[in-house]
PDB file of N, CA and C in Angstrom:
ATOM      1  N   MET A   1     -52.712 -36.404-168.762  1.00  0.00           N
ATOM      2  CA  MET A   1     -53.260 -35.614-167.690  1.00  0.00           C
ATOM      3  C   MET A   1     -54.039 -34.442-168.294  1.00  0.00           C
ATOM      4  N   LYS A   2     -55.226 -34.230-167.772  1.00  0.00           N
ATOM      5  CA  LYS A   2     -56.050 -33.119-168.244  1.00  0.00           C
ATOM      6  C   LYS A   2     -55.519 -31.805-167.676  1.00  0.00           C
ATOM      7  N   LYS A   3     -55.802 -30.720-168.404  1.00  0.00           N
ATOM      8  CA  LYS A   3     -55.331 -29.403-167.976  1.00  0.00           C
ATOM      9  C   LYS A   3     -55.826 -29.035-166.576  1.00  0.00           C
ATOM     10  N   PRO A   4     -57.110 -29.284-166.212  1.00  0.00           N
ATOM     11  CA  PRO A   4     -57.533 -28.948-164.840  1.00  0.00           C
ATOM     12  C   PRO A   4     -56.731 -29.702-163.781  1.00  0.00           C
ATOM     13  N   ASP A   5     -56.371 -30.967-164.048  1.00  0.00           N
ATOM     14  CA  ASP A   5     -55.560 -31.729-163.110  1.00  0.00           C
ATOM     15  C   ASP A   5     -54.195 -31.084-162.952  1.00  0.00           C
ATOM     16  N   PHE A   6     -53.604 -30.668-164.059  1.00  0.00           N
ATOM     17  CA  PHE A   6     -52.304 -30.022-164.031  1.00  0.00           C
ATOM     18  C   PHE A   6     -52.374 -28.737-163.220  1.00  0.00           C
ATOM     19  N   GLU A   7     -53.432 -27.974-163.389  1.00  0.00           N
ATOM     20  CA  GLU A   7     -53.591 -26.716-162.646  1.00  0.00           C
ATOM     21  C   GLU A   7     -53.701 -26.971-161.143  1.00  0.00           C
ATOM     22  N   LYS A   8     -54.422 -28.038-160.749  1.00  0.00           N
ATOM     23  CA  LYS A   8     -54.549 -28.377-159.326  1.00  0.00           C
ATOM     24  C   LYS A   8     -53.193 -28.742-158.737  1.00  0.00           C
ATOM     25  N   ILE A   9     -52.423 -29.523-159.467  1.00  0.00           N
ATOM     26  CA  ILE A   9     -51.098 -29.928-159.001  1.00  0.00           C
ATOM     27  C   ILE A   9     -50.188 -28.713-158.881  1.00  0.00           C
ATOM     28  N   LYS A  10     -50.228 -27.836-159.872  1.00  0.00           N
ATOM     29  CA  LYS A  10     -49.397 -26.632-159.852  1.00  0.00           C
ATOM     30  C   LYS A  10     -49.764 -25.752-158.660  1.00  0.00           C
ATOM     31  N   GLU A  11     -51.063 -25.596-158.414  1.00  0.00           N
ATOM     32  CA  GLU A  11     -51.536 -24.787-157.288  1.00  0.00           C
ATOM     33  C   GLU A  11     -51.072 -25.399-155.968  1.00  0.00           C
ATOM     34  N   ARG A  12     -51.157 -26.711-155.864  1.00  0.00           N
ATOM     35  CA  ARG A  12     -50.723 -27.411-154.648  1.00  0.00           C
ATOM     36  C   ARG A  12     -49.215 -27.228-154.422  1.00  0.00           C
ATOM     37  N   GLN A  13     -48.427 -27.322-155.483  1.00  0.00           N
ATOM     38  CA  GLN A  13     -46.983 -27.174-155.364  1.00  0.00           C
ATOM     39  C   GLN A  13     -46.604 -25.782-154.888  1.00  0.00           C
ATOM     40  N   GLU A  14     -47.354 -24.769-155.312  1.00  0.00           N
ATOM     41  CA  GLU A  14     -47.071 -23.396-154.886  1.00  0.00           C
ATOM     42  C   GLU A  14     -47.295 -23.229-153.383  1.00  0.00           C
ATOM     43  N   LYS A  15     -48.242 -23.978-152.812  1.00  0.00           N
ATOM     44  CA  LYS A  15     -48.529 -23.890-151.385  1.00  0.00           C
ATOM     45  C   LYS A  15     -47.482 -24.617-150.542  1.00  0.00           C
ATOM     46  N   LEU A  16     -46.689 -25.464-151.153  1.00  0.00           N
ATOM     47  CA  LEU A  16     -45.774 -26.319-150.407  1.00  0.00           C
ATOM     48  C   LEU A  16     -44.481 -25.648-149.995  1.00  0.00           C
ATOM     49  N   SER A  17     -44.244 -24.438-150.435  1.00  0.00           N
ATOM     50  CA  SER A  17     -42.948 -23.815-150.158  1.00  0.00           C
ATOM     51  C   SER A  17     -42.671 -23.654-148.670  1.00  0.00           C
ATOM     52  N   SER A  18     -43.699 -23.685-147.843  1.00  0.00           N
ATOM     53  CA  SER A  18     -43.471 -23.540-146.405  1.00  0.00           C
ATOM     54  C   SER A  18     -43.404 -24.892-145.694  1.00  0.00           C
ATOM     55  N   GLY A  19     -43.446 -25.974-146.436  1.00  0.00           N
ATOM     56  CA  GLY A  19     -43.461 -27.287-145.813  1.00  0.00           C
ATOM     57  C   GLY A  19     -42.080 -27.876-145.615  1.00  0.00           C
ATOM     58  N   TRP A  20     -42.048 -28.961-144.835  1.00  0.00           N
ATOM     59  CA  TRP A  20     -40.799 -29.668-144.612  1.00  0.00           C
ATOM     60  C   TRP A  20     -41.046 -31.149-144.367  1.00  0.00           C
ATOM     61  N   VAL A  21     -39.990 -31.903-144.579  1.00  0.00           N
ATOM     62  CA  VAL A  21     -39.970 -33.333-144.276  1.00  0.00           C
ATOM     63  C   VAL A  21     -38.700 -33.563-143.480  1.00  0.00           C
ATOM     64  N   ARG A  22     -38.803 -34.290-142.381  1.00  0.00           N
ATOM     65  CA  ARG A  22     -37.583 -34.601-141.645  1.00  0.00           C
ATOM     66  C   ARG A  22     -37.516 -36.097-141.361  1.00  0.00           C
ATOM     67  N   VAL A  23     -36.294 -36.589-141.413  1.00  0.00           N
ATOM     68  CA  VAL A  23     -36.038 -38.012-141.241  1.00  0.00           C
ATOM     69  C   VAL A  23     -35.219 -38.190-139.966  1.00  0.00           C
ATOM     70  N   GLY A  24     -35.671 -39.087-139.086  1.00  0.00           N
ATOM     71  CA  GLY A  24     -34.948 -39.380-137.856  1.00  0.00           C
ATOM     72  C   GLY A  24     -33.652 -40.107-138.168  1.00  0.00           C
ATOM     73  N   MET A  25     -32.523 -39.459-137.857  1.00  0.00           N
ATOM     74  CA  MET A  25     -31.211 -40.010-138.187  1.00  0.00           C
ATOM     75  C   MET A  25     -30.406 -40.342-136.934  1.00  0.00           C
ATOM     76  N   SER A  26     -31.087 -40.792-135.877  1.00  0.00           N
ATOM     77  CA  SER A  26     -30.362 -41.252-134.698  1.00  0.00           C
ATOM     78  C   SER A  26     -29.753 -42.619-135.027  1.00  0.00           C
ATOM     79  N   THR A  27     -29.017 -43.176-134.098  1.00  0.00           N
ATOM     80  CA  THR A  27     -28.344 -44.455-134.349  1.00  0.00           C
ATOM     81  C   THR A  27     -29.329 -45.534-134.776  1.00  0.00           C
ATOM     82  N   CYS A  28     -30.455 -45.618-134.087  1.00  0.00           N
ATOM     83  CA  CYS A  28     -31.432 -46.655-134.433  1.00  0.00           C
ATOM     84  C   CYS A  28     -32.044 -46.395-135.808  1.00  0.00           C
ATOM     85  N   GLY A  29     -32.256 -45.137-136.146  1.00  0.00           N
ATOM     86  CA  GLY A  29     -32.791 -44.796-137.468  1.00  0.00           C
ATOM     87  C   GLY A  29     -31.832 -45.171-138.578  1.00  0.00           C
ATOM     88  N   ILE A  30     -30.571 -44.832-138.396  1.00  0.00           N
ATOM     89  CA  ILE A  30     -29.563 -45.156-139.407  1.00  0.00           C
ATOM     90  C   ILE A  30     -29.436 -46.666-139.559  1.00  0.00           C
ATOM     91  N   ALA A  31     -29.447 -47.389-138.433  1.00  0.00           N
ATOM     92  CA  ALA A  31     -29.362 -48.848-138.486  1.00  0.00           C
ATOM     93  C   ALA A  31     -30.543 -49.463-139.235  1.00  0.00           C
ATOM     94  N   ALA A  32     -31.693 -48.793-139.188  1.00  0.00           N
ATOM     95  CA  ALA A  32     -32.895 -49.299-139.857  1.00  0.00           C
ATOM     96  C   ALA A  32     -33.010 -48.824-141.306  1.00  0.00           C
ATOM     97  N   GLY A  33     -32.064 -47.991-141.764  1.00  0.00           N
ATOM     98  CA  GLY A  33     -32.080 -47.562-143.158  1.00  0.00           C
ATOM     99  C   GLY A  33     -32.520 -46.138-143.402  1.00  0.00           C
ATOM    100  N   ALA A  34     -32.541 -45.302-142.360  1.00  0.00           N
ATOM    101  CA  ALA A  34     -33.000 -43.922-142.517  1.00  0.00           C
ATOM    102  C   ALA A  34     -32.136 -43.130-143.493  1.00  0.00           C
ATOM    103  N   ASP A  35     -30.844 -43.422-143.542  1.00  0.00           N
ATOM    104  CA  ASP A  35     -29.983 -42.696-144.481  1.00  0.00           C
ATOM    105  C   ASP A  35     -30.375 -42.989-145.924  1.00  0.00           C
ATOM    106  N   ARG A  36     -30.760 -44.223-146.205  1.00  0.00           N
ATOM    107  CA  ARG A  36     -31.222 -44.593-147.550  1.00  0.00           C
ATOM    108  C   ARG A  36     -32.545 -43.874-147.874  1.00  0.00           C
ATOM    109  N   ILE A  37     -33.457 -43.828-146.894  1.00  0.00           N
ATOM    110  CA  ILE A  37     -34.747 -43.164-147.094  1.00  0.00           C
ATOM    111  C   ILE A  37     -34.543 -41.662-147.293  1.00  0.00           C
ATOM    112  N   TYR A  38     -33.628 -41.069-146.535  1.00  0.00           N
ATOM    113  CA  TYR A  38     -33.321 -39.647-146.688  1.00  0.00           C
ATOM    114  C   TYR A  38     -32.848 -39.361-148.118  1.00  0.00           C
ATOM    115  N   GLY A  39     -31.933 -40.147-148.623  1.00  0.00           N
ATOM    116  CA  GLY A  39     -31.439 -39.970-149.993  1.00  0.00           C
ATOM    117  C   GLY A  39     -32.538 -40.159-151.021  1.00  0.00           C
ATOM    118  N   PHE A  40     -33.371 -41.173-150.811  1.00  0.00           N
ATOM    119  CA  PHE A  40     -34.482 -41.451-151.717  1.00  0.00           C
ATOM    120  C   PHE A  40     -35.462 -40.283-151.749  1.00  0.00           C
ATOM    121  N   LEU A  41     -35.826 -39.770-150.565  1.00  0.00           N
ATOM    122  CA  LEU A  41     -36.741 -38.631-150.500  1.00  0.00           C
ATOM    123  C   LEU A  41     -36.147 -37.415-151.207  1.00  0.00           C
ATOM    124  N   GLY A  42     -34.878 -37.133-150.960  1.00  0.00           N
ATOM    125  CA  GLY A  42     -34.221 -35.993-151.595  1.00  0.00           C
ATOM    126  C   GLY A  42     -34.264 -36.091-153.110  1.00  0.00           C
ATOM    127  N   GLU A  43     -33.971 -37.270-153.616  1.00  0.00           N
ATOM    128  CA  GLU A  43     -33.985 -37.494-155.063  1.00  0.00           C
ATOM    129  C   GLU A  43     -35.378 -37.272-155.648  1.00  0.00           C
ATOM    130  N   HIS A  44     -36.401 -37.790-154.975  1.00  0.00           N
ATOM    131  CA  HIS A  44     -37.758 -37.699-155.522  1.00  0.00           C
ATOM    132  C   HIS A  44     -38.420 -36.344-155.279  1.00  0.00           C
ATOM    133  N   LEU A  45     -38.047 -35.656-154.214  1.00  0.00           N
ATOM    134  CA  LEU A  45     -38.541 -34.285-154.039  1.00  0.00           C
ATOM    135  C   LEU A  45     -37.991 -33.398-155.151  1.00  0.00           C
ATOM    136  N   LYS A  46     -36.727 -33.576-155.462  1.00  0.00           N
ATOM    137  CA  LYS A  46     -36.092 -32.805-156.538  1.00  0.00           C
ATOM    138  C   LYS A  46     -36.700 -33.178-157.891  1.00  0.00           C
ATOM    139  N   LYS A  47     -36.874 -34.467-158.131  1.00  0.00           N
ATOM    140  CA  LYS A  47     -37.442 -34.958-159.391  1.00  0.00           C
ATOM    141  C   LYS A  47     -38.839 -34.377-159.637  1.00  0.00           C
ATOM    142  N   ASN A  48     -39.612 -34.217-158.567  1.00  0.00           N
ATOM    143  CA  ASN A  48     -40.967 -33.667-158.676  1.00  0.00           C
ATOM    144  C   ASN A  48     -41.001 -32.150-158.545  1.00  0.00           C
ATOM    145  N   ARG A  49     -39.814 -31.536-158.458  1.00  0.00           N
ATOM    146  CA  ARG A  49     -39.672 -30.077-158.361  1.00  0.00           C
ATOM    147  C   ARG A  49     -40.479 -29.491-157.201  1.00  0.00           C
ATOM    148  N   LEU A  50     -40.396 -30.154-156.058  1.00  0.00           N
ATOM    149  CA  LEU A  50     -41.122 -29.707-154.876  1.00  0.00           C
ATOM    150  C   LEU A  50     -40.194 -28.874-153.998  1.00  0.00           C
ATOM    151  N   ASP A  51     -40.659 -27.715-153.622  1.00  0.00           N
ATOM    152  CA  ASP A  51     -39.879 -26.808-152.792  1.00  0.00           C
ATOM    153  C   ASP A  51     -40.141 -27.130-151.323  1.00  0.00           C
ATOM    154  N   ILE A  52     -39.761 -28.338-150.942  1.00  0.00           N
ATOM    155  CA  ILE A  52     -39.944 -28.819-149.573  1.00  0.00           C
ATOM    156  C   ILE A  52     -38.571 -28.925-148.937  1.00  0.00           C
ATOM    157  N   ASN A  53     -38.443 -28.422-147.726  1.00  0.00           N
ATOM    158  CA  ASN A  53     -37.176 -28.480-147.011  1.00  0.00           C
ATOM    159  C   ASN A  53     -37.002 -29.879-146.420  1.00  0.00           C
ATOM    160  N   LEU A  54     -36.008 -30.622-146.881  1.00  0.00           N
ATOM    161  CA  LEU A  54     -35.709 -31.949-146.362  1.00  0.00           C
ATOM    162  C   LEU A  54     -34.664 -31.798-145.265  1.00  0.00           C
ATOM    163  N   ARG A  55     -34.969 -32.328-144.082  1.00  0.00           N
ATOM    164  CA  ARG A  55     -34.094 -32.157-142.921  1.00  0.00           C
ATOM    165  C   ARG A  55     -33.750 -33.501-142.288  1.00  0.00           C
ATOM    166  N   LYS A  56     -32.630 -33.505-141.601  1.00  0.00           N
ATOM    167  CA  LYS A  56     -32.259 -34.624-140.746  1.00  0.00           C
ATOM    168  C   LYS A  56     -32.507 -34.180-139.317  1.00  0.00           C
ATOM    169  N   CYS A  57     -32.899 -35.122-138.461  1.00  0.00           N
ATOM    170  CA  CYS A  57     -33.050 -34.793-137.051  1.00  0.00           C
ATOM    171  C   CYS A  57     -32.614 -35.991-136.215  1.00  0.00           C
ATOM    172  N   GLY A  58     -32.578 -35.815-134.928  1.00  0.00           N
ATOM    173  CA  GLY A  58     -32.210 -36.890-134.022  1.00  0.00           C
ATOM    174  C   GLY A  58     -33.399 -37.778-133.736  1.00  0.00           C
ATOM    175  N   CYS A  59     -33.439 -38.284-132.549  1.00  0.00           N
ATOM    176  CA  CYS A  59     -34.460 -39.243-132.131  1.00  0.00           C
ATOM    177  C   CYS A  59     -35.854 -38.610-132.166  1.00  0.00           C
ATOM    178  N   LEU A  60     -36.785 -39.340-132.766  1.00  0.00           N
ATOM    179  CA  LEU A  60     -38.180 -38.897-132.784  1.00  0.00           C
ATOM    180  C   LEU A  60     -39.028 -39.676-131.780  1.00  0.00           C
ATOM    181  N   GLY A  61     -38.375 -40.555-131.000  1.00  0.00           N
ATOM    182  CA  GLY A  61     -39.034 -41.188-129.864  1.00  0.00           C
ATOM    183  C   GLY A  61     -39.749 -42.496-130.103  1.00  0.00           C
ATOM    184  N   ALA A  62     -39.611 -43.085-131.249  1.00  0.00           N
ATOM    185  CA  ALA A  62     -40.292 -44.361-131.516  1.00  0.00           C
ATOM    186  C   ALA A  62     -39.325 -45.312-132.221  1.00  0.00           C
ATOM    187  N   CYS A  63     -38.284 -45.693-131.508  1.00  0.00           N
ATOM    188  CA  CYS A  63     -37.209 -46.507-132.099  1.00  0.00           C
ATOM    189  C   CYS A  63     -37.724 -47.793-132.733  1.00  0.00           C
ATOM    190  N   TYR A  64     -38.781 -48.352-132.176  1.00  0.00           N
ATOM    191  CA  TYR A  64     -39.348 -49.596-132.695  1.00  0.00           C
ATOM    192  C   TYR A  64     -39.953 -49.427-134.087  1.00  0.00           C
ATOM    193  N   ALA A  65     -40.177 -48.187-134.512  1.00  0.00           N
ATOM    194  CA  ALA A  65     -40.856 -47.933-135.789  1.00  0.00           C
ATOM    195  C   ALA A  65     -39.945 -47.267-136.816  1.00  0.00           C
ATOM    196  N   GLU A  66     -38.628 -47.327-136.591  1.00  0.00           N
ATOM    197  CA  GLU A  66     -37.689 -46.718-137.542  1.00  0.00           C
ATOM    198  C   GLU A  66     -37.724 -47.450-138.875  1.00  0.00           C
ATOM    199  N   PRO A  67     -37.413 -46.763-139.954  1.00  0.00           N
ATOM    200  CA  PRO A  67     -37.155 -45.341-140.133  1.00  0.00           C
ATOM    201  C   PRO A  67     -38.431 -44.503-139.966  1.00  0.00           C
ATOM    202  N   LEU A  68     -38.263 -43.359-139.317  1.00  0.00           N
ATOM    203  CA  LEU A  68     -39.360 -42.424-139.065  1.00  0.00           C
ATOM    204  C   LEU A  68     -39.224 -41.205-139.963  1.00  0.00           C
ATOM    205  N   VAL A  69     -40.349 -40.776-140.524  1.00  0.00           N
ATOM    206  CA  VAL A  69     -40.392 -39.602-141.388  1.00  0.00           C
ATOM    207  C   VAL A  69     -41.544 -38.728-140.924  1.00  0.00           C
ATOM    208  N   GLU A  70     -41.244 -37.473-140.606  1.00  0.00           N
ATOM    209  CA  GLU A  70     -42.268 -36.524-140.177  1.00  0.00           C
ATOM    210  C   GLU A  70     -42.499 -35.521-141.299  1.00  0.00           C
ATOM    211  N   VAL A  71     -43.768 -35.229-141.562  1.00  0.00           N
ATOM    212  CA  VAL A  71     -44.135 -34.365-142.679  1.00  0.00           C
ATOM    213  C   VAL A  71     -45.027 -33.235-142.189  1.00  0.00           C
ATOM    214  N   GLU A  72     -44.678 -32.014-142.603  1.00  0.00           N
ATOM    215  CA  GLU A  72     -45.544 -30.866-142.333  1.00  0.00           C
ATOM    216  C   GLU A  72     -45.674 -30.046-143.601  1.00  0.00           C
ATOM    217  N   VAL A  73     -46.905 -29.937-144.079  1.00  0.00           N
ATOM    218  CA  VAL A  73     -47.198 -29.082-145.225  1.00  0.00           C
ATOM    219  C   VAL A  73     -48.380 -28.196-144.864  1.00  0.00           C
ATOM    220  N   GLU A  74     -48.423 -27.054-145.477  1.00  0.00           N
ATOM    221  CA  GLU A  74     -49.450 -26.051-145.180  1.00  0.00           C
ATOM    222  C   GLU A  74     -50.856 -26.633-145.336  1.00  0.00           C
ATOM    223  N   GLY A  75     -51.695 -26.327-144.357  1.00  0.00           N
ATOM    224  CA  GLY A  75     -53.089 -26.727-144.420  1.00  0.00           C
ATOM    225  C   GLY A  75     -53.363 -28.150-143.968  1.00  0.00           C
ATOM    226  N   MET A  76     -52.352 -28.842-143.455  1.00  0.00           N
ATOM    227  CA  MET A  76     -52.530 -30.223-143.010  1.00  0.00           C
ATOM    228  C   MET A  76     -51.885 -30.394-141.637  1.00  0.00           C
ATOM    229  N   PRO A  77     -52.347 -31.384-140.877  1.00  0.00           N
ATOM    230  CA  PRO A  77     -51.670 -31.642-139.602  1.00  0.00           C
ATOM    231  C   PRO A  77     -50.278 -32.232-139.839  1.00  0.00           C
ATOM    232  N   ARG A  78     -49.411 -32.080-138.872  1.00  0.00           N
ATOM    233  CA  ARG A  78     -48.084 -32.695-138.930  1.00  0.00           C
ATOM    234  C   ARG A  78     -48.265 -34.192-138.690  1.00  0.00           C
ATOM    235  N   VAL A  79     -47.613 -35.005-139.520  1.00  0.00           N
ATOM    236  CA  VAL A  79     -47.785 -36.456-139.450  1.00  0.00           C
ATOM    237  C   VAL A  79     -46.428 -37.129-139.292  1.00  0.00           C
ATOM    238  N   LEU A  80     -46.368 -38.093-138.382  1.00  0.00           N
ATOM    239  CA  LEU A  80     -45.183 -38.920-138.210  1.00  0.00           C
ATOM    240  C   LEU A  80     -45.494 -40.301-138.770  1.00  0.00           C
ATOM    241  N   TYR A  81     -44.745 -40.697-139.797  1.00  0.00           N
ATOM    242  CA  TYR A  81     -44.886 -42.018-140.401  1.00  0.00           C
ATOM    243  C   TYR A  81     -43.766 -42.917-139.900  1.00  0.00           C
ATOM    244  N   GLY A  82     -44.099 -44.183-139.666  1.00  0.00           N
ATOM    245  CA  GLY A  82     -43.103 -45.131-139.200  1.00  0.00           C
ATOM    246  C   GLY A  82     -42.937 -46.311-140.127  1.00  0.00           C
ATOM    247  N   ASN A  83     -41.813 -47.012-139.938  1.00  0.00           N
ATOM    248  CA  ASN A  83     -41.463 -48.165-140.770  1.00  0.00           C
ATOM    249  C   ASN A  83     -41.467 -47.788-142.250  1.00  0.00           C
ATOM    250  N   VAL A  84     -40.898 -46.639-142.551  1.00  0.00           N
ATOM    251  CA  VAL A  84     -40.922 -46.109-143.915  1.00  0.00           C
ATOM    252  C   VAL A  84     -39.870 -46.806-144.772  1.00  0.00           C
ATOM    253  N   ASN A  85     -40.337 -47.404-145.861  1.00  0.00           N
ATOM    254  CA  ASN A  85     -39.442 -47.970-146.866  1.00  0.00           C
ATOM    255  C   ASN A  85     -39.556 -47.104-148.121  1.00  0.00           C
ATOM    256  N   GLU A  86     -38.876 -47.481-149.189  1.00  0.00           N
ATOM    257  CA  GLU A  86     -38.897 -46.645-150.392  1.00  0.00           C
ATOM    258  C   GLU A  86     -40.290 -46.543-150.999  1.00  0.00           C
ATOM    259  N   GLU A  87     -41.046 -47.630-150.972  1.00  0.00           N
ATOM    260  CA  GLU A  87     -42.414 -47.599-151.510  1.00  0.00           C
ATOM    261  C   GLU A  87     -43.279 -46.607-150.735  1.00  0.00           C
ATOM    262  N   MET A  88     -43.184 -46.666-149.401  1.00  0.00           N
ATOM    263  CA  MET A  88     -43.969 -45.736-148.588  1.00  0.00           C
ATOM    264  C   MET A  88     -43.478 -44.301-148.757  1.00  0.00           C
ATOM    265  N   ALA A  89     -42.175 -44.108-148.873  1.00  0.00           N
ATOM    266  CA  ALA A  89     -41.626 -42.763-149.075  1.00  0.00           C
ATOM    267  C   ALA A  89     -42.187 -42.142-150.358  1.00  0.00           C
ATOM    268  N   LEU A  90     -42.290 -42.949-151.404  1.00  0.00           N
ATOM    269  CA  LEU A  90     -42.852 -42.451-152.664  1.00  0.00           C
ATOM    270  C   LEU A  90     -44.332 -42.119-152.492  1.00  0.00           C
ATOM    271  N   ARG A  91     -45.055 -42.942-151.740  1.00  0.00           N
ATOM    272  CA  ARG A  91     -46.466 -42.658-151.453  1.00  0.00           C
ATOM    273  C   ARG A  91     -46.608 -41.379-150.637  1.00  0.00           C
ATOM    274  N   ILE A  92     -45.689 -41.143-149.696  1.00  0.00           N
ATOM    275  CA  ILE A  92     -45.730 -39.910-148.893  1.00  0.00           C
ATOM    276  C   ILE A  92     -45.609 -38.702-149.816  1.00  0.00           C
ATOM    277  N   ILE A  93     -44.700 -38.775-150.779  1.00  0.00           N
ATOM    278  CA  ILE A  93     -44.533 -37.654-151.713  1.00  0.00           C
ATOM    279  C   ILE A  93     -45.768 -37.487-152.586  1.00  0.00           C
ATOM    280  N   LYS A  94     -46.200 -38.564-153.215  1.00  0.00           N
ATOM    281  CA  LYS A  94     -47.297 -38.452-154.192  1.00  0.00           C
ATOM    282  C   LYS A  94     -48.659 -38.233-153.552  1.00  0.00           C
ATOM    283  N   GLU A  95     -48.962 -38.970-152.497  1.00  0.00           N
ATOM    284  CA  GLU A  95     -50.297 -38.889-151.909  1.00  0.00           C
ATOM    285  C   GLU A  95     -50.414 -37.798-150.843  1.00  0.00           C
ATOM    286  N   HIS A  96     -49.438 -37.730-149.944  1.00  0.00           N
ATOM    287  CA  HIS A  96     -49.529 -36.758-148.847  1.00  0.00           C
ATOM    288  C   HIS A  96     -49.104 -35.366-149.301  1.00  0.00           C
ATOM    289  N   ILE A  97     -47.876 -35.253-149.807  1.00  0.00           N
ATOM    290  CA  ILE A  97     -47.349 -33.922-150.128  1.00  0.00           C
ATOM    291  C   ILE A  97     -48.034 -33.342-151.367  1.00  0.00           C
ATOM    292  N   ILE A  98     -48.058 -34.083-152.450  1.00  0.00           N
ATOM    293  CA  ILE A  98     -48.664 -33.558-153.684  1.00  0.00           C
ATOM    294  C   ILE A  98     -50.188 -33.659-153.642  1.00  0.00           C
ATOM    295  N   GLY A  99     -50.698 -34.817-153.217  1.00  0.00           N
ATOM    296  CA  GLY A  99     -52.141 -35.059-153.253  1.00  0.00           C
ATOM    297  C   GLY A  99     -52.921 -34.474-152.099  1.00  0.00           C
ATOM    298  N   GLY A 100     -52.243 -34.131-150.997  1.00  0.00           N
ATOM    299  CA  GLY A 100     -52.941 -33.532-149.860  1.00  0.00           C
ATOM    300  C   GLY A 100     -53.770 -34.508-149.051  1.00  0.00           C
ATOM    301  N   ARG A 101     -53.411 -35.800-149.095  1.00  0.00           N
ATOM    302  CA  ARG A 101     -54.148 -36.816-148.344  1.00  0.00           C
ATOM    303  C   ARG A 101     -53.176 -37.581-147.441  1.00  0.00           C
ATOM    304  N   ILE A 102     -53.546 -37.734-146.189  1.00  0.00           N
ATOM    305  CA  ILE A 102     -52.737 -38.518-145.261  1.00  0.00           C
ATOM    306  C   ILE A 102     -52.874 -39.982-145.642  1.00  0.00           C
ATOM    307  N   LEU A 103     -51.761 -40.701-145.613  1.00  0.00           N
ATOM    308  CA  LEU A 103     -51.788 -42.116-145.980  1.00  0.00           C
ATOM    309  C   LEU A 103     -52.692 -42.898-145.033  1.00  0.00           C
ATOM    310  N   ASP A 104     -53.230 -43.993-145.530  1.00  0.00           N
ATOM    311  CA  ASP A 104     -54.120 -44.820-144.721  1.00  0.00           C
ATOM    312  C   ASP A 104     -53.371 -45.846-143.878  1.00  0.00           C
ATOM    313  N   SER A 105     -52.046 -45.856-143.951  1.00  0.00           N
ATOM    314  CA  SER A 105     -51.257 -46.779-143.136  1.00  0.00           C
ATOM    315  C   SER A 105     -49.928 -46.124-142.765  1.00  0.00           C
ATOM    316  N   GLY A 106     -49.330 -46.629-141.699  1.00  0.00           N
ATOM    317  CA  GLY A 106     -48.013 -46.156-141.301  1.00  0.00           C
ATOM    318  C   GLY A 106     -47.998 -44.899-140.455  1.00  0.00           C
ATOM    319  N   VAL A 107     -49.156 -44.367-140.094  1.00  0.00           N
ATOM    320  CA  VAL A 107     -49.211 -43.146-139.285  1.00  0.00           C
ATOM    321  C   VAL A 107     -49.000 -43.518-137.821  1.00  0.00           C
ATOM    322  N   TYR A 108     -47.991 -42.928-137.191  1.00  0.00           N
ATOM    323  CA  TYR A 108     -47.708 -43.176-135.780  1.00  0.00           C
ATOM    324  C   TYR A 108     -48.129 -42.017-134.902  1.00  0.00           C
ATOM    325  N   HIS A 109     -48.222 -40.831-135.461  1.00  0.00           N
ATOM    326  CA  HIS A 109     -48.651 -39.676-134.676  1.00  0.00           C
ATOM    327  C   HIS A 109     -49.185 -38.606-135.620  1.00  0.00           C
ATOM    328  N   LEU A 110     -50.253 -37.973-135.207  1.00  0.00           N
ATOM    329  CA  LEU A 110     -50.869 -36.879-135.955  1.00  0.00           C
ATOM    330  C   LEU A 110     -50.944 -35.692-135.025  1.00  0.00           C
ATOM    331  N   ARG A 111     -50.349 -34.570-135.407  1.00  0.00           N
ATOM    332  CA  ARG A 111     -50.373 -33.384-134.549  1.00  0.00           C
ATOM    333  C   ARG A 111     -51.142 -32.278-135.252  1.00  0.00           C
ATOM    334  N   THR A 112     -52.216 -31.854-134.615  1.00  0.00           N
ATOM    335  CA  THR A 112     -52.978 -30.731-135.137  1.00  0.00           C
ATOM    336  C   THR A 112     -52.534 -29.473-134.386  1.00  0.00           C
ATOM    337  N   SER A 113     -52.984 -28.335-134.851  1.00  0.00           N
ATOM    338  CA  SER A 113     -52.601 -27.089-134.193  1.00  0.00           C
ATOM    339  C   SER A 113     -53.394 -26.864-132.919  1.00  0.00           C
ATOM    340  N   GLU A 114     -54.447 -27.639-132.721  1.00  0.00           N
ATOM    341  CA  GLU A 114     -55.266 -27.468-131.511  1.00  0.00           C
ATOM    342  C   GLU A 114     -54.676 -28.290-130.367  1.00  0.00           C
ATOM    343  N   PRO A 115     -54.656 -27.731-129.145  1.00  0.00           N
ATOM    344  CA  PRO A 115     -54.127 -28.481-128.004  1.00  0.00           C
ATOM    345  C   PRO A 115     -55.028 -29.662-127.669  1.00  0.00           C
ATOM    346  N   LEU A 116     -54.427 -30.731-127.124  1.00  0.00           N
ATOM    347  CA  LEU A 116     -55.201 -31.888-126.700  1.00  0.00           C
ATOM    348  C   LEU A 116     -56.005 -31.537-125.456  1.00  0.00           C
ATOM    349  N   LYS A 117     -57.174 -32.118-125.321  1.00  0.00           N
ATOM    350  CA  LYS A 117     -58.038 -31.850-124.154  1.00  0.00           C
ATOM    351  C   LYS A 117     -58.081 -33.047-123.260  1.00  0.00           C
TER     352      LYS A 117
END
């Protein structure tokens, strides 16, 4: 990795301290593997030294798309990802949280700060 790349990653990580990730842990979420995804995310957030608050929550309203993972990081819209497996969870960390890019698949809801018209 080149030094400028390292500096960009470091700068991005500093901005993440106000972000969070939450995993829907209702009955349907747990049945679909949300507890496994929660553990996986926790392990990889720690491994990447990301100061992101990992949370559990109840129903996120899309039982058909469990496990559901909602992500909010500074400077980006809040995103709800569905049908999250370990591969997608790793992509959420590397591409969305670290890279600052919303994934091109698995997005079930995008919330911006502007009200809908």
